[in-house]
N, C-alpha and C. Protein backbone atom coordinates (compact mmCIF):
# COMPACT_ATOMS: atom_id res chain seq x y z
N MET A 1 3.96 27.67 -111.46
CA MET A 1 2.94 26.88 -110.92
C MET A 1 2.92 25.62 -112.12
N GLN A 2 3.59 25.97 -113.19
CA GLN A 2 2.85 25.76 -114.67
C GLN A 2 3.78 23.76 -114.65
N THR A 3 4.65 23.68 -113.70
CA THR A 3 6.02 22.50 -114.19
C THR A 3 5.01 21.27 -113.07
N THR A 4 4.60 20.41 -113.72
CA THR A 4 4.80 18.94 -113.20
C THR A 4 6.09 18.29 -112.73
N LYS A 5 7.18 18.59 -113.08
CA LYS A 5 8.38 17.88 -112.96
C LYS A 5 8.40 17.86 -111.36
N MET A 6 8.87 16.57 -110.67
CA MET A 6 9.60 16.39 -109.32
C MET A 6 10.54 17.57 -109.17
N TRP A 7 10.48 18.02 -107.95
CA TRP A 7 11.81 18.82 -107.47
C TRP A 7 12.42 18.51 -105.81
N ASP A 8 13.40 18.23 -106.03
CA ASP A 8 13.65 17.62 -105.13
C ASP A 8 15.01 18.54 -104.17
N GLY A 9 14.08 19.26 -103.76
CA GLY A 9 14.83 20.82 -103.01
C GLY A 9 13.65 21.43 -102.02
N ASP A 10 13.62 22.24 -101.06
CA ASP A 10 12.96 22.73 -100.57
C ASP A 10 12.31 24.21 -101.58
N ILE A 11 11.32 24.79 -101.58
CA ILE A 11 10.56 25.66 -101.91
C ILE A 11 10.34 26.89 -101.48
N LEU A 12 11.16 28.03 -101.70
CA LEU A 12 11.13 29.37 -100.57
C LEU A 12 10.62 30.25 -101.66
N THR A 13 9.12 31.13 -101.47
CA THR A 13 8.75 31.74 -102.63
C THR A 13 7.16 32.72 -101.46
N ASN A 14 7.48 34.10 -102.26
CA ASN A 14 6.24 34.88 -101.85
C ASN A 14 5.23 34.83 -102.90
N PRO A 15 4.28 33.85 -102.64
CA PRO A 15 3.13 34.03 -104.13
C PRO A 15 2.29 35.05 -103.95
N PRO A 16 1.48 35.17 -105.12
CA PRO A 16 0.41 36.36 -105.01
C PRO A 16 -0.38 35.89 -104.02
N TYR A 17 -1.22 36.80 -103.26
CA TYR A 17 -2.10 35.89 -102.14
C TYR A 17 -3.36 35.83 -102.41
N LYS A 18 -3.39 36.11 -103.47
CA LYS A 18 -4.73 35.00 -104.05
C LYS A 18 -4.76 33.71 -104.56
N TYR A 19 -3.46 33.57 -105.03
CA TYR A 19 -3.05 32.35 -105.50
C TYR A 19 -1.93 31.38 -104.74
N ALA A 20 -2.02 31.72 -102.93
CA ALA A 20 -1.19 31.56 -102.16
C ALA A 20 -1.65 29.83 -102.01
N LYS A 21 -2.77 29.58 -101.84
CA LYS A 21 -3.25 28.11 -101.47
C LYS A 21 -2.90 27.37 -102.64
N GLU A 22 -3.38 27.64 -103.50
CA GLU A 22 -2.86 27.06 -104.91
C GLU A 22 -1.18 26.79 -105.35
N PHE A 23 -0.31 27.93 -104.85
CA PHE A 23 0.78 27.75 -105.22
C PHE A 23 1.30 26.68 -103.86
N ILE A 24 0.71 26.57 -102.46
CA ILE A 24 1.03 25.72 -101.62
C ILE A 24 0.54 24.39 -102.10
N GLU A 25 -0.74 24.32 -102.70
CA GLU A 25 -1.10 22.84 -102.84
C GLU A 25 -0.27 22.12 -104.24
N HIS A 26 -0.22 23.12 -105.14
CA HIS A 26 0.66 22.61 -106.40
C HIS A 26 2.59 22.27 -105.91
N ALA A 27 3.17 23.28 -104.63
CA ALA A 27 4.66 22.75 -104.17
C ALA A 27 4.73 21.52 -103.68
N MET A 28 3.41 21.42 -102.44
CA MET A 28 3.54 20.03 -102.08
C MET A 28 3.33 18.61 -102.95
N THR A 29 2.70 19.09 -104.14
CA THR A 29 2.56 18.06 -105.17
C THR A 29 3.72 17.34 -105.62
N ILE A 30 5.01 18.60 -106.13
CA ILE A 30 6.14 18.29 -107.08
C ILE A 30 7.40 17.84 -105.75
N ILE A 31 7.01 18.09 -104.67
CA ILE A 31 8.46 17.45 -103.42
C ILE A 31 8.16 16.47 -102.86
N PRO A 32 9.39 15.56 -102.76
CA PRO A 32 9.48 14.33 -102.01
C PRO A 32 9.34 14.59 -100.77
N ASP A 33 8.50 13.42 -99.57
CA ASP A 33 8.57 13.88 -98.31
C ASP A 33 9.73 14.45 -98.14
N GLY A 34 9.80 14.88 -96.86
CA GLY A 34 10.55 15.33 -96.03
C GLY A 34 11.31 16.78 -96.36
N ARG A 35 11.14 17.17 -97.52
CA ARG A 35 11.41 18.44 -98.01
C ARG A 35 10.16 19.99 -97.56
N LYS A 36 10.73 20.88 -97.70
CA LYS A 36 9.60 21.93 -97.21
C LYS A 36 9.62 22.94 -98.21
N VAL A 37 8.35 23.56 -97.57
CA VAL A 37 7.87 24.54 -98.57
C VAL A 37 7.50 26.01 -97.57
N PHE A 38 8.00 26.86 -98.09
CA PHE A 38 8.29 28.30 -97.14
C PHE A 38 7.46 29.28 -97.53
N MET A 39 6.24 29.73 -97.26
CA MET A 39 5.83 30.98 -97.78
C MET A 39 5.22 32.14 -96.84
N PHE A 40 5.40 33.42 -97.72
CA PHE A 40 5.59 34.46 -97.31
C PHE A 40 4.88 35.05 -97.14
N LEU A 41 3.37 35.10 -96.23
CA LEU A 41 2.09 35.48 -96.40
C LEU A 41 1.39 36.38 -94.91
N LYS A 42 0.73 37.18 -95.30
CA LYS A 42 -0.05 37.20 -94.45
C LYS A 42 -0.10 36.59 -93.26
N LEU A 43 -0.69 37.51 -91.99
CA LEU A 43 -0.93 36.33 -90.84
C LEU A 43 -2.21 35.83 -90.75
N GLN A 44 -3.16 36.78 -91.75
CA GLN A 44 -4.28 36.47 -91.69
C GLN A 44 -4.50 35.35 -92.74
N PHE A 45 -4.02 34.65 -93.53
CA PHE A 45 -4.08 33.69 -94.14
C PHE A 45 -4.31 32.09 -93.65
N LEU A 46 -3.97 32.47 -91.88
CA LEU A 46 -4.68 31.12 -91.23
C LEU A 46 -5.93 31.15 -91.30
N GLU A 47 -6.68 32.45 -91.70
CA GLU A 47 -8.36 32.17 -91.33
C GLU A 47 -8.84 31.97 -92.49
N GLY A 48 -10.18 31.37 -92.42
CA GLY A 48 -11.21 31.07 -93.55
C GLY A 48 -11.33 29.17 -93.86
N LYS A 49 -12.22 29.07 -94.33
CA LYS A 49 -12.83 27.92 -94.29
C LYS A 49 -11.95 27.16 -95.27
N ALA A 50 -12.34 27.57 -96.48
CA ALA A 50 -11.37 27.05 -97.92
C ALA A 50 -9.66 26.65 -97.44
N ARG A 51 -8.85 27.66 -96.20
CA ARG A 51 -7.86 27.38 -96.27
C ARG A 51 -7.93 26.18 -95.10
N GLY A 52 -8.69 25.98 -94.31
CA GLY A 52 -9.03 25.29 -93.04
C GLY A 52 -8.77 23.83 -93.76
N GLU A 53 -9.46 23.64 -94.91
CA GLU A 53 -9.48 22.51 -95.35
C GLU A 53 -8.02 22.03 -95.93
N LEU A 54 -7.58 23.22 -96.50
CA LEU A 54 -5.87 23.11 -96.79
C LEU A 54 -5.18 23.14 -95.58
N PHE A 55 -5.30 23.36 -94.71
CA PHE A 55 -4.53 23.11 -93.70
C PHE A 55 -4.69 21.76 -92.68
N LYS A 56 -5.79 20.74 -92.95
CA LYS A 56 -5.98 19.75 -92.44
C LYS A 56 -5.61 18.46 -93.14
N LYS A 57 -4.67 19.26 -94.43
CA LYS A 57 -4.62 17.79 -95.49
C LYS A 57 -2.92 18.57 -95.18
N TYR A 58 -2.52 19.85 -95.15
CA TYR A 58 -0.99 19.93 -95.08
C TYR A 58 -0.89 21.20 -94.11
N PRO A 59 -0.49 20.45 -93.08
CA PRO A 59 -0.90 21.11 -91.32
C PRO A 59 0.92 22.49 -91.62
N PRO A 60 1.04 23.44 -91.40
CA PRO A 60 2.17 23.95 -91.36
C PRO A 60 2.69 23.74 -90.13
N ARG A 61 4.03 23.35 -90.01
CA ARG A 61 4.80 22.57 -89.22
C ARG A 61 5.09 23.94 -88.16
N TYR A 62 5.33 25.03 -88.67
CA TYR A 62 5.87 26.15 -88.10
C TYR A 62 5.05 27.51 -88.43
N VAL A 63 4.79 28.19 -88.18
CA VAL A 63 4.49 29.57 -88.60
C VAL A 63 5.00 30.70 -87.54
N TYR A 64 6.01 31.19 -88.55
CA TYR A 64 7.04 32.42 -88.16
C TYR A 64 6.35 33.47 -87.93
N VAL A 65 5.49 34.53 -87.01
CA VAL A 65 5.34 35.33 -86.98
C VAL A 65 6.19 36.63 -86.68
N SER A 66 6.17 37.87 -87.79
CA SER A 66 6.94 39.01 -87.45
C SER A 66 6.43 39.91 -86.08
N ARG A 67 7.47 39.91 -85.14
CA ARG A 67 6.76 40.89 -84.14
C ARG A 67 6.65 42.50 -84.90
N SER A 68 7.20 42.64 -85.87
CA SER A 68 7.53 44.27 -86.21
C SER A 68 6.30 43.88 -87.73
N ARG A 69 6.31 45.36 -88.03
CA ARG A 69 5.47 45.06 -89.58
C ARG A 69 6.83 45.00 -90.50
N ILE A 70 6.24 43.96 -91.55
CA ILE A 70 7.25 44.54 -92.73
C ILE A 70 6.32 45.30 -93.62
N LEU A 71 7.46 46.04 -94.18
CA LEU A 71 7.04 46.85 -95.48
C LEU A 71 6.86 46.03 -96.61
N CYS A 72 6.11 45.89 -97.12
CA CYS A 72 5.61 45.31 -98.97
C CYS A 72 5.29 46.21 -99.58
N ALA A 73 6.08 46.88 -100.22
CA ALA A 73 5.66 48.19 -100.87
C ALA A 73 5.12 47.45 -102.51
N LYS A 74 4.25 47.87 -102.92
CA LYS A 74 4.07 47.85 -104.28
C LYS A 74 4.95 48.94 -105.44
N ASN A 75 5.70 47.64 -106.60
CA ASN A 75 6.37 48.54 -107.25
C ASN A 75 7.71 48.94 -106.70
N GLY A 76 8.22 48.70 -105.91
CA GLY A 76 8.93 49.42 -104.76
C GLY A 76 8.97 50.70 -104.28
N MET A 77 7.78 50.77 -103.75
CA MET A 77 7.62 52.41 -103.49
C MET A 77 7.21 52.67 -102.34
N PHE A 78 8.86 52.47 -101.59
CA PHE A 78 8.88 51.97 -99.86
C PHE A 78 8.69 53.23 -99.34
N GLU A 79 9.19 54.36 -99.97
CA GLU A 79 9.45 55.60 -99.55
C GLU A 79 7.87 56.32 -98.96
N GLU A 80 6.79 55.92 -100.33
CA GLU A 80 6.09 56.56 -100.10
C GLU A 80 5.27 55.69 -98.97
N MET A 81 5.19 55.03 -99.10
CA MET A 81 4.61 53.51 -97.67
C MET A 81 5.10 54.23 -96.28
N LYS A 82 6.40 54.17 -96.27
CA LYS A 82 7.05 55.17 -94.94
C LYS A 82 6.18 56.30 -94.78
N ALA A 83 6.31 57.31 -95.82
CA ALA A 83 5.74 58.40 -95.62
C ALA A 83 4.09 58.27 -95.39
N GLY A 84 3.32 57.54 -95.60
CA GLY A 84 2.62 57.31 -95.48
C GLY A 84 1.77 56.59 -93.94
N GLY A 85 2.99 56.43 -92.96
CA GLY A 85 3.06 56.07 -91.94
C GLY A 85 3.52 54.15 -91.50
N GLY A 86 3.60 53.58 -93.01
CA GLY A 86 4.34 52.24 -92.82
C GLY A 86 3.04 51.01 -93.21
N SER A 87 3.09 50.03 -92.38
CA SER A 87 2.34 48.84 -92.76
C SER A 87 1.32 48.62 -91.98
N ALA A 88 0.10 48.53 -91.97
CA ALA A 88 -0.66 48.02 -91.16
C ALA A 88 -1.01 46.35 -91.28
N VAL A 89 -0.17 45.86 -91.81
CA VAL A 89 -0.49 44.08 -91.90
C VAL A 89 0.52 43.53 -91.52
N ALA A 90 0.26 42.79 -90.86
CA ALA A 90 0.96 41.43 -90.31
C ALA A 90 1.30 40.20 -90.98
N TYR A 91 2.74 40.01 -91.35
CA TYR A 91 3.00 39.08 -91.62
C TYR A 91 3.74 37.99 -91.18
N ALA A 92 3.85 36.77 -92.10
CA ALA A 92 4.72 35.32 -91.11
C ALA A 92 5.38 34.46 -92.33
N TRP A 93 6.08 34.30 -92.24
CA TRP A 93 6.72 32.40 -92.85
C TRP A 93 6.27 31.87 -92.36
N TYR A 94 5.60 30.64 -93.31
CA TYR A 94 4.62 29.68 -93.31
C TYR A 94 5.38 28.44 -94.02
N GLU A 95 5.95 27.18 -92.58
CA GLU A 95 6.94 26.35 -93.28
C GLU A 95 5.92 25.22 -93.18
N PHE A 96 6.04 24.61 -94.11
CA PHE A 96 5.44 23.26 -94.76
C PHE A 96 5.94 22.43 -94.88
N GLN A 97 5.78 20.85 -94.56
CA GLN A 97 6.99 20.16 -94.68
C GLN A 97 6.20 18.88 -95.38
N LYS A 98 6.76 18.42 -96.74
CA LYS A 98 5.55 17.31 -96.84
C LYS A 98 5.60 15.82 -96.53
N GLY A 99 4.36 15.44 -95.64
CA GLY A 99 4.50 14.45 -94.84
C GLY A 99 4.00 14.43 -93.28
N TYR A 100 4.39 15.61 -92.92
CA TYR A 100 3.88 16.12 -91.58
C TYR A 100 2.71 16.52 -91.09
N LYS A 101 2.07 16.09 -90.12
CA LYS A 101 0.63 15.64 -89.93
C LYS A 101 0.80 15.73 -88.41
N GLY A 102 1.72 16.51 -88.09
CA GLY A 102 1.33 17.04 -86.56
C GLY A 102 0.89 18.55 -86.30
N VAL A 103 1.03 19.04 -85.48
CA VAL A 103 0.16 20.20 -84.75
C VAL A 103 1.00 21.15 -85.59
N SER A 104 0.74 22.28 -85.44
CA SER A 104 1.64 23.50 -85.96
C SER A 104 1.62 24.49 -85.21
N ILE A 105 3.35 24.58 -84.93
CA ILE A 105 3.94 25.72 -84.04
C ILE A 105 4.06 27.26 -84.68
N ILE A 106 3.64 27.71 -83.53
CA ILE A 106 4.02 29.29 -83.76
C ILE A 106 5.56 29.88 -83.00
N LYS A 107 6.01 30.47 -83.71
CA LYS A 107 7.03 31.24 -83.41
C LYS A 107 7.06 32.98 -83.76
N TRP A 108 8.17 33.25 -83.00
CA TRP A 108 7.89 34.88 -83.49
C TRP A 108 9.34 35.23 -83.76
N ILE A 109 9.52 36.11 -84.89
CA ILE A 109 10.58 36.22 -85.31
C ILE A 109 10.94 38.05 -85.39
N ASN A 110 11.98 38.42 -85.51
CA ASN A 110 12.67 40.12 -84.88
C ASN A 110 11.96 40.35 -84.25
């Protein structure tokens, strides 16, 4: 997030959840119109007043909701997570397109 240099490409990342809003805002300032930002985040990212303001400014073009629970283990501890019953967290890919002002569309994947 430290670069201020323009990026003429799309951005795809899994930011730290507590900084996701800032990552999106920053990414949208360094790409030209028409380029896209993809963020892998918890589905609950759709909630909250502060993020509501973000979505007014940058509405996601698409939200791709995972039909199945995706394992996102800390420090690569996938086996321990599976042994504990898996994940109780729903995840989605959020697609933002610079300049897009339409409605957000939900799609389902996997």
